[in-house]
Structures are given as structure tokens and as C-alpha cells.
């Protein structure tokens, strides 16, 4: 069993790719959420910086690569355009060459290496335990305040096959896809013990201008 704090590592894991979702239309925000600034840094820059501390490769799911060229990361367009975050995850998983893939939406300004590292540590701890041939879970997904967060979670590359089928059939509900996975759902209490702090702030996301204003207030309070 993984002990508290065991997730911490001195360098990114080459077994993990980071997948940043930045392909949304941002209609409710009225501006490209990924490019909004928080404390002098855009949301997409914050997300890249965070994932680079845990993941050995970064993939950006985006359909307008010119907006993100300055980041110097690989942009992956959707194979099934206009089908929401499921299409973004699918395209990035198809492009990934790593067994594990850490998905993070760019509109979560307070994700932390501590949370990402905790998820990765749990995945590694579950792999091969008991039965040496066991592959472990297909996904590791946090459950915070009673809600699963599939857009801040860890997935095996092989899960792309199920996404492909669902996209072809027009079944786009993320929760339905997650239910068919052999997923490790990590309760909030376990994450808090591993991180040493509450994970609730990490899943705060921005959809509307008032959410952005709240994020600015939260950042100023830190």
C-alpha cells in the first residue's frame, strides 16, 4: 500500500503524458478561457507548468494551434471535431506514446502537482498488486464533494478504443464512458491524506465571467 507522501517524485515520469484540454468554444465566458490571465500568467501557461512537473510529455488538445504556438508544446486536433471534451481526450490518447495519460482541463486554474502526483502514485500502487499479471485500473479519477471529475484524471492509453466507439455512435456523455471503465475512484478523504491539504480548490473550474472574478479573488488571497 502506498504511504502518505509516497507519490512525491523529483522528476517527471516518462511513463505519463499530460493531456491539456483547450478545445472548447468558451461561449459562456465570452473569451478564450485558456488565454485569460491570472496573476500575470495565462490559464494555459499555468496548466502546462503544473503538468510538466509530473508528466514526461505534454499534449495540447486544441483546434486552433496558432493561439498556443508560443507554448512550444505539441497541439493535437480532434479527429471528431465539435464533439466536446470526449473528442479531445480521444485524439490526444491516440497521439500519446505513454501508457498513462493525465488529463486536465485548462479552465481549472488551481490544479496542483500534489493532486496529479497523488493520482499517479495510486495508479502505480494498484498496478500488479496481488496478481503479477494484473494491469491495474484503466483510470484513476478523483471524487470530490460527491462528484467524479473525469476532466482531471488519469487514463490508460488503451481506453481510447472505448472513446472511438462512443464517438462513432454519438454517445458523448463522459459519465457513461467512465462507468464502463475499470476505474479507481479516489475519495476526497484519501486525496486529502495524500496531499496534506484539501483537494477542493484544485477542481474549481471557470465557465462564466463571475467564475473568473472568483478565481482572481482566490488567487489574491493566497
C-alpha atoms as a PDB file:
ATOM      1  CA  UNK A   1       0.000   0.000   0.000  1.00  0.00           C
ATOM      2  CA  UNK A   2       1.230   3.476  -0.847  1.00  0.00           C
ATOM      3  CA  UNK A   3       2.118   5.522   2.213  1.00  0.00           C
ATOM      4  CA  UNK A   4       1.126   9.145   2.601  1.00  0.00           C
ATOM      5  CA  UNK A   5       3.514  11.306   0.643  1.00  0.00           C
ATOM      6  CA  UNK A   6       4.983   8.425  -1.382  1.00  0.00           C
ATOM      7  CA  UNK A   7       3.650   9.981  -4.599  1.00  0.00           C
ATOM      8  CA  UNK A   8       6.284  12.726  -4.485  1.00  0.00           C
ATOM      9  CA  UNK A   9       8.981  12.426  -7.135  1.00  0.00           C
ATOM     10  CA  UNK A  10      11.993  14.542  -8.023  1.00  0.00           C
ATOM     11  CA  UNK A  11      11.414  14.486 -11.781  1.00  0.00           C
ATOM     12  CA  UNK A  12       8.529  13.963 -14.225  1.00  0.00           C
ATOM     13  CA  UNK A  13       7.502  10.399 -15.003  1.00  0.00           C
ATOM     14  CA  UNK A  14       8.371   9.292 -18.532  1.00  0.00           C
ATOM     15  CA  UNK A  15       5.521   6.787 -18.305  1.00  0.00           C
ATOM     16  CA  UNK A  16       2.973   9.596 -18.254  1.00  0.00           C
ATOM     17  CA  UNK A  17       1.829  12.126 -20.841  1.00  0.00           C
ATOM     18  CA  UNK A  18      -0.072  15.209 -19.802  1.00  0.00           C
ATOM     19  CA  UNK A  19      -3.160  15.984 -21.890  1.00  0.00           C
ATOM     20  CA  UNK A  20      -4.456  19.538 -21.622  1.00  0.00           C
ATOM     21  CA  UNK A  21      -7.968  20.172 -22.937  1.00  0.00           C
ATOM     22  CA  UNK A  22      -8.184  23.596 -24.572  1.00  0.00           C
ATOM     23  CA  UNK A  23     -10.556  22.988 -27.468  1.00  0.00           C
ATOM     24  CA  UNK A  24     -13.779  24.357 -26.005  1.00  0.00           C
ATOM     25  CA  UNK A  25     -15.683  27.247 -27.533  1.00  0.00           C
ATOM     26  CA  UNK A  26     -15.794  29.267 -24.255  1.00  0.00           C
ATOM     27  CA  UNK A  27     -19.234  30.618 -25.209  1.00  0.00           C
ATOM     28  CA  UNK A  28     -20.383  31.312 -21.651  1.00  0.00           C
ATOM     29  CA  UNK A  29     -17.121  33.080 -20.807  1.00  0.00           C
ATOM     30  CA  UNK A  30     -17.228  35.256 -23.931  1.00  0.00           C
ATOM     31  CA  UNK A  31     -13.463  34.918 -24.418  1.00  0.00           C
ATOM     32  CA  UNK A  32     -10.942  32.112 -24.832  1.00  0.00           C
ATOM     33  CA  UNK A  33     -10.647  30.774 -21.283  1.00  0.00           C
ATOM     34  CA  UNK A  34      -7.225  29.292 -21.905  1.00  0.00           C
ATOM     35  CA  UNK A  35      -5.751  32.732 -22.590  1.00  0.00           C
ATOM     36  CA  UNK A  36      -7.258  34.558 -19.605  1.00  0.00           C
ATOM     37  CA  UNK A  37      -4.630  35.894 -17.232  1.00  0.00           C
ATOM     38  CA  UNK A  38      -4.349  35.081 -13.551  1.00  0.00           C
ATOM     39  CA  UNK A  39      -1.595  36.799 -11.603  1.00  0.00           C
ATOM     40  CA  UNK A  40       0.250  37.655 -14.817  1.00  0.00           C
ATOM     41  CA  UNK A  41       0.107  34.140 -16.264  1.00  0.00           C
ATOM     42  CA  UNK A  42      -2.457  32.698 -18.666  1.00  0.00           C
ATOM     43  CA  UNK A  43      -4.512  29.704 -17.577  1.00  0.00           C
ATOM     44  CA  UNK A  44      -2.942  27.543 -20.258  1.00  0.00           C
ATOM     45  CA  UNK A  45       0.560  28.526 -19.119  1.00  0.00           C
ATOM     46  CA  UNK A  46      -0.339  27.640 -15.523  1.00  0.00           C
ATOM     47  CA  UNK A  47      -1.645  24.260 -16.627  1.00  0.00           C
ATOM     48  CA  UNK A  48       1.417  23.463 -18.738  1.00  0.00           C
ATOM     49  CA  UNK A  49       3.728  24.450 -15.877  1.00  0.00           C
ATOM     50  CA  UNK A  50       1.852  22.216 -13.447  1.00  0.00           C
ATOM     51  CA  UNK A  51       1.734  19.152 -15.684  1.00  0.00           C
ATOM     52  CA  UNK A  52       5.392  19.479 -16.665  1.00  0.00           C
ATOM     53  CA  UNK A  53       6.297  18.750 -13.041  1.00  0.00           C
ATOM     54  CA  UNK A  54       4.630  15.327 -13.207  1.00  0.00           C
ATOM     55  CA  UNK A  55       4.433  14.282 -16.874  1.00  0.00           C
ATOM     56  CA  UNK A  56       7.282  13.441 -19.233  1.00  0.00           C
ATOM     57  CA  UNK A  57       5.427  14.667 -22.325  1.00  0.00           C
ATOM     58  CA  UNK A  58       2.736  17.310 -22.848  1.00  0.00           C
ATOM     59  CA  UNK A  59      -0.022  17.144 -25.470  1.00  0.00           C
ATOM     60  CA  UNK A  60      -2.427  20.033 -26.013  1.00  0.00           C
ATOM     61  CA  UNK A  61      -5.881  19.196 -27.331  1.00  0.00           C
ATOM     62  CA  UNK A  62      -6.743  22.283 -29.372  1.00  0.00           C
ATOM     63  CA  UNK A  63      -8.241  23.049 -32.766  1.00  0.00           C
ATOM     64  CA  UNK A  64      -6.616  26.487 -33.119  1.00  0.00           C
ATOM     65  CA  UNK A  65      -2.890  25.726 -32.737  1.00  0.00           C
ATOM     66  CA  UNK A  66      -1.821  29.244 -33.730  1.00  0.00           C
ATOM     67  CA  UNK A  67      -3.215  30.552 -30.425  1.00  0.00           C
ATOM     68  CA  UNK A  68      -0.855  28.291 -28.487  1.00  0.00           C
ATOM     69  CA  UNK A  69       2.252  28.174 -30.651  1.00  0.00           C
ATOM     70  CA  UNK A  70       4.157  30.287 -28.115  1.00  0.00           C
ATOM     71  CA  UNK A  71       3.915  27.459 -25.570  1.00  0.00           C
ATOM     72  CA  UNK A  72       6.185  25.162 -27.546  1.00  0.00           C
ATOM     73  CA  UNK A  73       4.043  22.080 -26.869  1.00  0.00           C
ATOM     74  CA  UNK A  74       2.529  19.643 -29.343  1.00  0.00           C
ATOM     75  CA  UNK A  75      -1.042  20.501 -30.397  1.00  0.00           C
ATOM     76  CA  UNK A  76      -3.403  17.664 -31.327  1.00  0.00           C
ATOM     77  CA  UNK A  77      -6.594  18.491 -33.293  1.00  0.00           C
ATOM     78  CA  UNK A  78      -9.776  16.491 -32.800  1.00  0.00           C
ATOM     79  CA  UNK A  79     -10.375  13.501 -35.048  1.00  0.00           C
ATOM     80  CA  UNK A  80     -14.097  14.074 -34.401  1.00  0.00           C
ATOM     81  CA  UNK A  81     -14.474  17.894 -34.348  1.00  0.00           C
ATOM     82  CA  UNK A  82     -17.270  19.525 -32.406  1.00  0.00           C
ATOM     83  CA  UNK A  83     -17.891  16.549 -30.108  1.00  0.00           C
ATOM     84  CA  UNK A  84     -16.762  18.106 -26.846  1.00  0.00           C
ATOM     85  CA  UNK A  85     -14.098  17.027 -24.347  1.00  0.00           C
ATOM     86  CA  UNK A  86     -14.528  13.345 -25.175  1.00  0.00           C
ATOM     87  CA  UNK A  87     -13.190  14.037 -28.679  1.00  0.00           C
ATOM     88  CA  UNK A  88     -10.234  15.945 -27.265  1.00  0.00           C
ATOM     89  CA  UNK A  89      -9.282  13.143 -24.902  1.00  0.00           C
ATOM     90  CA  UNK A  90      -9.668  10.589 -27.696  1.00  0.00           C
ATOM     91  CA  UNK A  91      -7.404  12.443 -30.138  1.00  0.00           C
ATOM     92  CA  UNK A  92      -4.714  13.036 -27.524  1.00  0.00           C
ATOM     93  CA  UNK A  93      -4.784   9.423 -26.328  1.00  0.00           C
ATOM     94  CA  UNK A  94      -4.385   8.281 -29.930  1.00  0.00           C
ATOM     95  CA  UNK A  95      -1.367  10.592 -30.302  1.00  0.00           C
ATOM     96  CA  UNK A  96       0.198   9.584 -26.982  1.00  0.00           C
ATOM     97  CA  UNK A  97       3.024   7.059 -26.742  1.00  0.00           C
ATOM     98  CA  UNK A  98       2.792   6.714 -22.942  1.00  0.00           C
ATOM     99  CA  UNK A  99       0.888   4.025 -21.008  1.00  0.00           C
ATOM    100  CA  UNK A 100      -0.647   6.570 -18.605  1.00  0.00           C
ATOM    101  CA  UNK A 101      -2.144   9.922 -19.553  1.00  0.00           C
ATOM    102  CA  UNK A 102      -3.023  12.720 -17.146  1.00  0.00           C
ATOM    103  CA  UNK A 103      -5.997  14.722 -18.418  1.00  0.00           C
ATOM    104  CA  UNK A 104      -6.531  18.279 -17.193  1.00  0.00           C
ATOM    105  CA  UNK A 105      -8.954  20.899 -18.473  1.00  0.00           C
ATOM    106  CA  UNK A 106      -7.392  24.313 -18.985  1.00  0.00           C
ATOM    107  CA  UNK A 107     -10.212  26.058 -17.099  1.00  0.00           C
ATOM    108  CA  UNK A 108      -9.104  24.651 -13.726  1.00  0.00           C
ATOM    109  CA  UNK A 109      -6.635  27.332 -12.581  1.00  0.00           C
ATOM    110  CA  UNK A 110      -5.732  25.731  -9.253  1.00  0.00           C
ATOM    111  CA  UNK A 111      -4.758  22.181 -10.181  1.00  0.00           C
ATOM    112  CA  UNK A 112      -1.596  21.193  -8.359  1.00  0.00           C
ATOM    113  CA  UNK A 113       1.313  18.784  -8.828  1.00  0.00           C
ATOM    114  CA  UNK A 114       0.335  17.360  -5.427  1.00  0.00           C
ATOM    115  CA  UNK A 115      -3.043  16.191  -6.704  1.00  0.00           C
ATOM    116  CA  UNK A 116      -1.672  14.924 -10.010  1.00  0.00           C
ATOM    117  CA  UNK A 117       1.139  13.117  -8.227  1.00  0.00           C
ATOM    118  CA  UNK A 118      -1.301  11.524  -5.790  1.00  0.00           C
ATOM    119  CA  UNK A 119      -3.375  10.125  -8.663  1.00  0.00           C
ATOM    120  CA  UNK A 120      -0.262   8.799 -10.376  1.00  0.00           C
ATOM    121  CA  UNK A 121       1.020   7.237  -7.165  1.00  0.00           C
ATOM    122  CA  UNK A 122      -2.278   5.420  -6.676  1.00  0.00           C
ATOM    123  CA  UNK A 123      -2.173   4.134 -10.253  1.00  0.00           C
ATOM    124  CA  UNK A 124       1.345   2.802  -9.789  1.00  0.00           C
ATOM    125  CA  UNK A 125       0.489   1.271  -6.416  1.00  0.00           C
ATOM    126  CA  UNK A 126      -2.517  -0.548  -7.885  1.00  0.00           C
ATOM    127  CA  UNK A 127      -0.659  -1.920 -10.885  1.00  0.00           C
ATOM    128  CA  UNK A 128       0.319  -5.552 -10.473  1.00  0.00           C
ATOM    129  CA  UNK A 129      -0.698  -5.877  -6.821  1.00  0.00           C
ATOM    130  CA  UNK A 130      -1.779  -9.383  -5.864  1.00  0.00           C
ATOM    131  CA  UNK A 131      -1.792 -10.942  -9.327  1.00  0.00           C
ATOM    132  CA  UNK A 132       1.560 -10.128 -11.015  1.00  0.00           C
ATOM    133  CA  UNK A 133      -0.180 -10.237 -14.392  1.00  0.00           C
ATOM    134  CA  UNK A 134      -2.806  -7.690 -13.365  1.00  0.00           C
ATOM    135  CA  UNK A 135      -2.632  -4.473 -15.310  1.00  0.00           C
ATOM    136  CA  UNK A 136      -4.275  -2.384 -12.601  1.00  0.00           C
ATOM    137  CA  UNK A 137      -7.061   0.140 -13.163  1.00  0.00           C
ATOM    138  CA  UNK A 138      -7.867   1.665 -16.540  1.00  0.00           C
ATOM    139  CA  UNK A 139      -8.397   5.059 -14.941  1.00  0.00           C
ATOM    140  CA  UNK A 140      -7.840   6.883 -11.657  1.00  0.00           C
ATOM    141  CA  UNK A 141     -10.477   9.543 -11.062  1.00  0.00           C
ATOM    142  CA  UNK A 142     -10.968  11.855  -8.056  1.00  0.00           C
ATOM    143  CA  UNK A 143     -14.322  12.080  -6.309  1.00  0.00           C
ATOM    144  CA  UNK A 144     -14.640  15.435  -4.570  1.00  0.00           C
ATOM    145  CA  UNK A 145     -17.735  16.688  -2.760  1.00  0.00           C
ATOM    146  CA  UNK A 146     -19.560  13.625  -4.048  1.00  0.00           C
ATOM    147  CA  UNK A 147     -18.817  14.291  -7.734  1.00  0.00           C
ATOM    148  CA  UNK A 148     -16.447  12.466 -10.048  1.00  0.00           C
ATOM    149  CA  UNK A 149     -14.067  14.683 -12.019  1.00  0.00           C
ATOM    150  CA  UNK A 150     -13.251  12.899 -15.295  1.00  0.00           C
ATOM    151  CA  UNK A 151     -11.617  16.032 -16.746  1.00  0.00           C
ATOM    152  CA  UNK A 152      -8.924  15.955 -14.067  1.00  0.00           C
ATOM    153  CA  UNK A 153      -7.994  12.295 -14.100  1.00  0.00           C
ATOM    154  CA  UNK A 154      -5.539   9.635 -15.215  1.00  0.00           C
ATOM    155  CA  UNK A 155      -6.303   7.256 -18.103  1.00  0.00           C
ATOM    156  CA  UNK A 156      -4.557   4.357 -19.786  1.00  0.00           C
ATOM    157  CA  UNK A 157      -3.864   4.797 -23.479  1.00  0.00           C
ATOM    158  CA  UNK A 158      -5.958   1.703 -24.247  1.00  0.00           C
ATOM    159  CA  UNK A 159      -9.127   3.491 -23.114  1.00  0.00           C
ATOM    160  CA  UNK A 160      -9.096   5.356 -26.442  1.00  0.00           C
ATOM    161  CA  UNK A 161     -10.821   2.347 -28.046  1.00  0.00           C
ATOM    162  CA  UNK A 162     -13.978   2.856 -25.995  1.00  0.00           C
ATOM    163  CA  UNK A 163     -13.956   6.554 -26.804  1.00  0.00           C
ATOM    164  CA  UNK A 164     -13.650   5.779 -30.509  1.00  0.00           C
ATOM    165  CA  UNK A 165     -16.745   3.596 -30.388  1.00  0.00           C
ATOM    166  CA  UNK A 166     -18.755   6.151 -28.436  1.00  0.00           C
ATOM    167  CA  UNK A 167     -17.779   8.998 -30.749  1.00  0.00           C
ATOM    168  CA  UNK A 168     -18.772   6.968 -33.791  1.00  0.00           C
ATOM    169  CA  UNK A 169     -22.141   6.206 -32.213  1.00  0.00           C
ATOM    170  CA  UNK A 170     -22.726   9.760 -30.962  1.00  0.00           C
ATOM    171  CA  UNK A 171     -22.713   8.737 -27.290  1.00  0.00           C
ATOM    172  CA  UNK A 172     -20.954  11.731 -25.783  1.00  0.00           C
ATOM    173  CA  UNK A 173     -21.716  11.594 -22.046  1.00  0.00           C
ATOM    174  CA  UNK A 174     -18.423  11.381 -20.185  1.00  0.00           C
ATOM    175  CA  UNK A 175     -20.023   9.758 -17.151  1.00  0.00           C
ATOM    176  CA  UNK A 176     -21.424   6.905 -19.268  1.00  0.00           C
ATOM    177  CA  UNK A 177     -17.948   6.200 -20.640  1.00  0.00           C
ATOM    178  CA  UNK A 178     -16.374   6.311 -17.181  1.00  0.00           C
ATOM    179  CA  UNK A 179     -18.942   3.826 -15.867  1.00  0.00           C
ATOM    180  CA  UNK A 180     -17.777   1.192 -18.347  1.00  0.00           C
ATOM    181  CA  UNK A 181     -14.122   1.553 -17.337  1.00  0.00           C
ATOM    182  CA  UNK A 182     -12.333  -0.396 -14.632  1.00  0.00           C
ATOM    183  CA  UNK A 183     -11.732   2.867 -12.810  1.00  0.00           C
ATOM    184  CA  UNK A 184     -10.259   3.531  -9.386  1.00  0.00           C
ATOM    185  CA  UNK A 185     -12.471   6.241  -7.881  1.00  0.00           C
ATOM    186  CA  UNK A 186     -10.468   8.081  -5.239  1.00  0.00           C
ATOM    187  CA  UNK A 187     -12.486   9.633  -2.399  1.00  0.00           C
ATOM    188  CA  UNK A 188     -11.790  13.137  -1.216  1.00  0.00           C
ATOM    189  CA  UNK A 189     -10.600  11.977   2.208  1.00  0.00           C
ATOM    190  CA  UNK A 190      -7.901   9.761   0.698  1.00  0.00           C
ATOM    191  CA  UNK A 191      -6.688  12.539  -1.577  1.00  0.00           C
ATOM    192  CA  UNK A 192      -6.527  14.966   1.335  1.00  0.00           C
ATOM    193  CA  UNK A 193      -4.408  12.497   3.313  1.00  0.00           C
ATOM    194  CA  UNK A 194      -2.020  12.036   0.390  1.00  0.00           C
ATOM    195  CA  UNK A 195      -1.790  15.725  -0.484  1.00  0.00           C
ATOM    196  CA  UNK A 196      -1.699  17.121   3.017  1.00  0.00           C
ATOM    197  CA  UNK A 197      -4.422  19.624   2.103  1.00  0.00           C
ATOM    198  CA  UNK A 198      -7.969  19.710   0.774  1.00  0.00           C
ATOM    199  CA  UNK A 199      -8.304  18.914  -2.954  1.00  0.00           C
ATOM    200  CA  UNK A 200     -11.435  21.032  -3.363  1.00  0.00           C
ATOM    201  CA  UNK A 201      -9.681  24.124  -4.659  1.00  0.00           C
ATOM    202  CA  UNK A 202      -7.935  22.057  -7.337  1.00  0.00           C
ATOM    203  CA  UNK A 203     -11.225  21.203  -9.060  1.00  0.00           C
ATOM    204  CA  UNK A 204     -12.570  24.763  -9.149  1.00  0.00           C
ATOM    205  CA  UNK A 205     -13.368  25.489 -12.783  1.00  0.00           C
ATOM    206  CA  UNK A 206     -14.268  28.605 -14.740  1.00  0.00           C
ATOM    207  CA  UNK A 207     -17.159  28.749 -17.191  1.00  0.00           C
ATOM    208  CA  UNK A 208     -18.582  32.253 -16.753  1.00  0.00           C
ATOM    209  CA  UNK A 209     -17.170  35.741 -16.143  1.00  0.00           C
ATOM    210  CA  UNK A 210     -18.198  35.559 -12.491  1.00  0.00           C
ATOM    211  CA  UNK A 211     -16.150  32.367 -12.117  1.00  0.00           C
ATOM    212  CA  UNK A 212     -13.124  34.227 -13.453  1.00  0.00           C
ATOM    213  CA  UNK A 213     -13.725  37.026 -10.960  1.00  0.00           C
ATOM    214  CA  UNK A 214     -13.909  34.457  -8.164  1.00  0.00           C
ATOM    215  CA  UNK A 215     -10.665  32.838  -9.342  1.00  0.00           C
ATOM    216  CA  UNK A 216      -8.948  36.230  -9.242  1.00  0.00           C
ATOM    217  CA  UNK A 217     -10.164  36.727  -5.661  1.00  0.00           C
ATOM    218  CA  UNK A 218      -8.967  33.253  -4.670  1.00  0.00           C
ATOM    219  CA  UNK A 219      -5.560  33.884  -6.214  1.00  0.00           C
ATOM    220  CA  UNK A 220      -5.230  37.214  -4.390  1.00  0.00           C
ATOM    221  CA  UNK A 221      -5.997  35.532  -1.061  1.00  0.00           C
ATOM    222  CA  UNK A 222      -3.113  33.050  -1.396  1.00  0.00           C
END
